[in-house]
N, C-alpha and C. Protein backbone atom coordinates (compact mmCIF):
# COMPACT_ATOMS: atom_id res chain seq x y z
N MET A 1 0.82 -1.18 0.00
CA MET A 1 0.00 0.00 0.00
C MET A 1 0.87 1.25 0.00
N PHE A 2 1.79 1.39 0.93
CA PHE A 2 2.65 2.57 0.97
C PHE A 2 3.64 2.56 -0.19
N VAL A 3 4.16 1.39 -0.52
CA VAL A 3 5.18 1.29 -1.56
C VAL A 3 4.62 1.74 -2.90
N VAL A 4 3.42 1.33 -3.22
CA VAL A 4 2.82 1.69 -4.50
C VAL A 4 2.66 3.20 -4.60
N GLU A 5 2.22 3.84 -3.52
CA GLU A 5 2.04 5.29 -3.52
C GLU A 5 3.38 6.00 -3.64
N ALA A 6 4.41 5.48 -3.00
CA ALA A 6 5.69 6.17 -2.91
C ALA A 6 6.54 6.03 -4.18
N LEU A 7 6.46 4.90 -4.85
CA LEU A 7 7.30 4.69 -6.04
C LEU A 7 6.58 5.23 -7.27
N ASN A 8 6.82 6.47 -7.56
CA ASN A 8 6.16 7.11 -8.69
C ASN A 8 6.86 6.78 -10.00
N ALA A 9 6.29 7.28 -11.10
CA ALA A 9 6.81 6.95 -12.43
C ALA A 9 8.25 7.40 -12.62
N ASP A 10 8.61 8.57 -12.09
CA ASP A 10 9.98 9.05 -12.23
C ASP A 10 10.96 8.12 -11.55
N LEU A 11 10.63 7.67 -10.37
CA LEU A 11 11.52 6.77 -9.65
C LEU A 11 11.64 5.44 -10.40
N ARG A 12 10.54 4.89 -10.87
CA ARG A 12 10.60 3.65 -11.62
C ARG A 12 11.47 3.81 -12.88
N ARG A 13 11.36 4.95 -13.55
CA ARG A 13 12.18 5.20 -14.74
C ARG A 13 13.66 5.21 -14.37
N ARG A 14 13.99 5.88 -13.29
CA ARG A 14 15.39 5.97 -12.87
C ARG A 14 15.95 4.61 -12.50
N LEU A 15 15.14 3.76 -11.90
CA LEU A 15 15.63 2.46 -11.48
C LEU A 15 15.73 1.46 -12.63
N SER A 16 15.05 1.73 -13.73
CA SER A 16 15.04 0.75 -14.82
C SER A 16 16.23 0.87 -15.77
N ALA A 17 16.96 1.97 -15.73
CA ALA A 17 18.06 2.13 -16.67
C ALA A 17 19.22 2.84 -16.01
N PRO A 18 20.39 2.49 -16.28
CA PRO A 18 20.82 1.24 -16.89
C PRO A 18 20.83 0.10 -15.88
N ASN A 19 20.98 -1.12 -16.35
CA ASN A 19 20.95 -2.23 -15.40
C ASN A 19 22.35 -2.50 -14.84
N ALA A 20 22.40 -3.31 -13.82
CA ALA A 20 23.65 -3.57 -13.10
C ALA A 20 24.72 -4.19 -14.00
N GLU A 21 24.31 -5.02 -14.94
CA GLU A 21 25.28 -5.64 -15.85
C GLU A 21 25.97 -4.59 -16.71
N ASP A 22 25.20 -3.60 -17.18
CA ASP A 22 25.79 -2.53 -17.98
C ASP A 22 26.79 -1.73 -17.16
N VAL A 23 26.43 -1.44 -15.92
CA VAL A 23 27.31 -0.66 -15.05
C VAL A 23 28.61 -1.41 -14.80
N SER A 24 28.51 -2.70 -14.43
CA SER A 24 29.73 -3.46 -14.11
C SER A 24 30.58 -3.71 -15.36
N ALA A 25 29.97 -3.77 -16.52
CA ALA A 25 30.73 -4.00 -17.75
C ALA A 25 31.37 -2.71 -18.27
N GLY A 26 31.00 -1.58 -17.68
CA GLY A 26 31.57 -0.32 -18.12
C GLY A 26 31.01 0.20 -19.43
N THR A 27 29.83 -0.27 -19.82
CA THR A 27 29.24 0.14 -21.09
C THR A 27 28.23 1.27 -20.95
N VAL A 28 28.15 1.85 -19.77
CA VAL A 28 27.19 2.93 -19.51
C VAL A 28 27.89 4.27 -19.70
N THR A 29 27.17 5.22 -20.25
CA THR A 29 27.73 6.56 -20.41
C THR A 29 27.91 7.21 -19.03
N ASP A 30 28.69 8.26 -19.00
CA ASP A 30 28.87 8.99 -17.74
C ASP A 30 27.53 9.51 -17.22
N GLU A 31 26.72 10.04 -18.12
CA GLU A 31 25.40 10.53 -17.71
C GLU A 31 24.54 9.38 -17.18
N GLY A 32 24.67 8.21 -17.81
CA GLY A 32 23.94 7.03 -17.34
C GLY A 32 24.35 6.64 -15.94
N LEU A 33 25.65 6.71 -15.65
CA LEU A 33 26.13 6.41 -14.29
C LEU A 33 25.55 7.39 -13.28
N LEU A 34 25.58 8.67 -13.63
CA LEU A 34 25.03 9.68 -12.71
C LEU A 34 23.54 9.48 -12.52
N ASP A 35 22.82 9.13 -13.58
CA ASP A 35 21.40 8.85 -13.46
C ASP A 35 21.15 7.64 -12.56
N THR A 36 22.02 6.64 -12.68
CA THR A 36 21.89 5.47 -11.82
C THR A 36 22.04 5.86 -10.36
N LEU A 37 23.06 6.66 -10.06
CA LEU A 37 23.24 7.12 -8.68
C LEU A 37 22.05 7.94 -8.19
N ARG A 38 21.53 8.80 -9.06
CA ARG A 38 20.34 9.58 -8.68
C ARG A 38 19.18 8.65 -8.34
N GLY A 39 19.02 7.62 -9.15
CA GLY A 39 17.95 6.66 -8.91
C GLY A 39 18.13 5.89 -7.62
N VAL A 40 19.37 5.48 -7.35
CA VAL A 40 19.66 4.76 -6.10
C VAL A 40 19.34 5.63 -4.89
N TYR A 41 19.78 6.87 -4.92
CA TYR A 41 19.52 7.76 -3.79
C TYR A 41 18.04 8.08 -3.65
N ALA A 42 17.35 8.26 -4.78
CA ALA A 42 15.91 8.51 -4.72
C ALA A 42 15.19 7.30 -4.13
N ALA A 43 15.58 6.11 -4.57
CA ALA A 43 14.96 4.89 -4.04
C ALA A 43 15.24 4.74 -2.55
N ARG A 44 16.48 5.00 -2.14
CA ARG A 44 16.83 4.90 -0.73
C ARG A 44 16.00 5.86 0.11
N ASN A 45 15.82 7.08 -0.38
CA ASN A 45 15.02 8.06 0.35
C ASN A 45 13.56 7.61 0.48
N VAL A 46 13.03 7.06 -0.61
CA VAL A 46 11.65 6.57 -0.56
C VAL A 46 11.54 5.40 0.42
N LEU A 47 12.47 4.46 0.34
CA LEU A 47 12.43 3.31 1.24
C LEU A 47 12.60 3.72 2.69
N ASP A 48 13.48 4.68 2.96
CA ASP A 48 13.66 5.18 4.32
C ASP A 48 12.36 5.80 4.84
N ALA A 49 11.69 6.57 3.99
CA ALA A 49 10.43 7.20 4.39
C ALA A 49 9.36 6.14 4.68
N ILE A 50 9.29 5.12 3.83
CA ILE A 50 8.33 4.04 4.04
C ILE A 50 8.64 3.30 5.33
N GLU A 51 9.93 3.01 5.56
CA GLU A 51 10.32 2.32 6.79
C GLU A 51 9.95 3.15 8.01
N ASN A 52 10.24 4.43 8.00
CA ASN A 52 9.94 5.28 9.14
C ASN A 52 8.45 5.35 9.41
N GLU A 53 7.66 5.52 8.37
CA GLU A 53 6.21 5.60 8.52
C GLU A 53 5.64 4.28 9.06
N THR A 54 6.13 3.17 8.50
CA THR A 54 5.64 1.86 8.92
C THR A 54 6.05 1.56 10.35
N LEU A 55 7.30 1.86 10.71
CA LEU A 55 7.74 1.63 12.09
C LEU A 55 6.94 2.46 13.08
N ALA A 56 6.63 3.69 12.71
CA ALA A 56 5.82 4.53 13.60
C ALA A 56 4.44 3.91 13.83
N LEU A 57 3.84 3.39 12.77
CA LEU A 57 2.54 2.73 12.91
C LEU A 57 2.64 1.46 13.74
N VAL A 58 3.67 0.67 13.50
CA VAL A 58 3.88 -0.56 14.27
C VAL A 58 4.03 -0.23 15.75
N GLU A 59 4.81 0.79 16.04
CA GLU A 59 5.04 1.19 17.43
C GLU A 59 3.76 1.73 18.06
N THR A 60 3.04 2.58 17.34
CA THR A 60 1.80 3.17 17.85
C THR A 60 0.76 2.10 18.14
N ARG A 61 0.64 1.15 17.24
CA ARG A 61 -0.36 0.09 17.41
C ARG A 61 0.07 -1.01 18.36
N GLY A 62 1.38 -1.10 18.61
CA GLY A 62 1.88 -2.19 19.43
C GLY A 62 1.81 -3.53 18.71
N SER A 63 1.97 -3.49 17.40
CA SER A 63 1.80 -4.68 16.57
C SER A 63 2.72 -5.83 16.97
N THR A 64 3.97 -5.52 17.22
CA THR A 64 4.92 -6.61 17.54
C THR A 64 4.59 -7.24 18.89
N ASP A 65 4.09 -6.45 19.82
CA ASP A 65 3.69 -6.99 21.13
C ASP A 65 2.44 -7.84 20.97
N LEU A 66 1.48 -7.38 20.20
CA LEU A 66 0.23 -8.13 20.00
C LEU A 66 0.48 -9.46 19.30
N ILE A 67 1.33 -9.46 18.30
CA ILE A 67 1.52 -10.66 17.49
C ILE A 67 2.58 -11.60 18.06
N ASP A 68 3.71 -11.04 18.51
CA ASP A 68 4.81 -11.88 18.96
C ASP A 68 5.20 -11.68 20.42
N GLY A 69 4.56 -10.75 21.10
CA GLY A 69 4.88 -10.51 22.50
C GLY A 69 6.24 -9.87 22.70
N LEU A 70 6.69 -9.10 21.72
CA LEU A 70 8.00 -8.47 21.79
C LEU A 70 7.87 -6.96 21.58
N THR A 71 8.83 -6.22 22.13
CA THR A 71 8.91 -4.80 21.79
C THR A 71 9.31 -4.70 20.32
N THR A 72 9.07 -3.55 19.74
CA THR A 72 9.45 -3.36 18.34
C THR A 72 10.96 -3.56 18.17
N LYS A 73 11.73 -3.02 19.09
CA LYS A 73 13.20 -3.16 19.03
C LYS A 73 13.61 -4.63 19.07
N SER A 74 13.05 -5.39 19.99
CA SER A 74 13.39 -6.83 20.10
C SER A 74 12.92 -7.60 18.87
N TRP A 75 11.75 -7.26 18.39
CA TRP A 75 11.23 -7.94 17.20
C TRP A 75 12.15 -7.69 16.02
N MET A 76 12.58 -6.44 15.84
CA MET A 76 13.47 -6.11 14.72
C MET A 76 14.79 -6.85 14.84
N ARG A 77 15.33 -6.91 16.05
CA ARG A 77 16.59 -7.65 16.25
C ARG A 77 16.43 -9.09 15.81
N ASN A 78 15.33 -9.72 16.22
CA ASN A 78 15.11 -11.13 15.88
C ASN A 78 14.77 -11.32 14.40
N GLU A 79 13.90 -10.49 13.89
CA GLU A 79 13.41 -10.65 12.52
C GLU A 79 14.48 -10.35 11.47
N PHE A 80 15.25 -9.30 11.70
CA PHE A 80 16.20 -8.84 10.69
C PHE A 80 17.65 -9.12 11.04
N ARG A 81 17.88 -9.76 12.19
CA ARG A 81 19.24 -10.10 12.63
C ARG A 81 20.14 -8.87 12.64
N ILE A 82 19.65 -7.80 13.27
CA ILE A 82 20.42 -6.57 13.40
C ILE A 82 20.77 -6.36 14.86
N SER A 83 21.76 -5.53 15.11
CA SER A 83 22.18 -5.27 16.49
C SER A 83 21.12 -4.46 17.23
N ALA A 84 21.20 -4.49 18.54
CA ALA A 84 20.28 -3.73 19.37
C ALA A 84 20.39 -2.23 19.09
N SER A 85 21.62 -1.76 18.89
CA SER A 85 21.80 -0.33 18.64
C SER A 85 21.22 0.08 17.29
N THR A 86 21.33 -0.79 16.28
CA THR A 86 20.73 -0.49 14.98
C THR A 86 19.21 -0.48 15.08
N ALA A 87 18.67 -1.45 15.78
CA ALA A 87 17.20 -1.50 15.96
C ALA A 87 16.71 -0.27 16.70
N ALA A 88 17.44 0.17 17.69
CA ALA A 88 17.03 1.34 18.49
C ALA A 88 17.07 2.62 17.64
N ARG A 89 18.07 2.73 16.78
CA ARG A 89 18.17 3.93 15.91
C ARG A 89 17.02 4.04 14.95
N ARG A 90 16.52 2.92 14.53
CA ARG A 90 15.43 2.93 13.54
C ARG A 90 14.12 3.20 14.23
């Protein structure tokens, strides 16, 4: 639901060209490389926003406690195999 709203046509265009094989083979133009970086950063920003919004909802609703009996931080540590400090920062 959030992902569909957040990934607009411009972002999809940026992510579709060029592909990773072209980049690693060195067959992409300089402008293509810069466009790829722009797309990566745009995607990262969108994903970070989705993660933040979703985590806020999970925390507000107490979803991890209701479903698994864990705090959001503990659930994230277990689910994603991340450190306690990383889970706390998110």
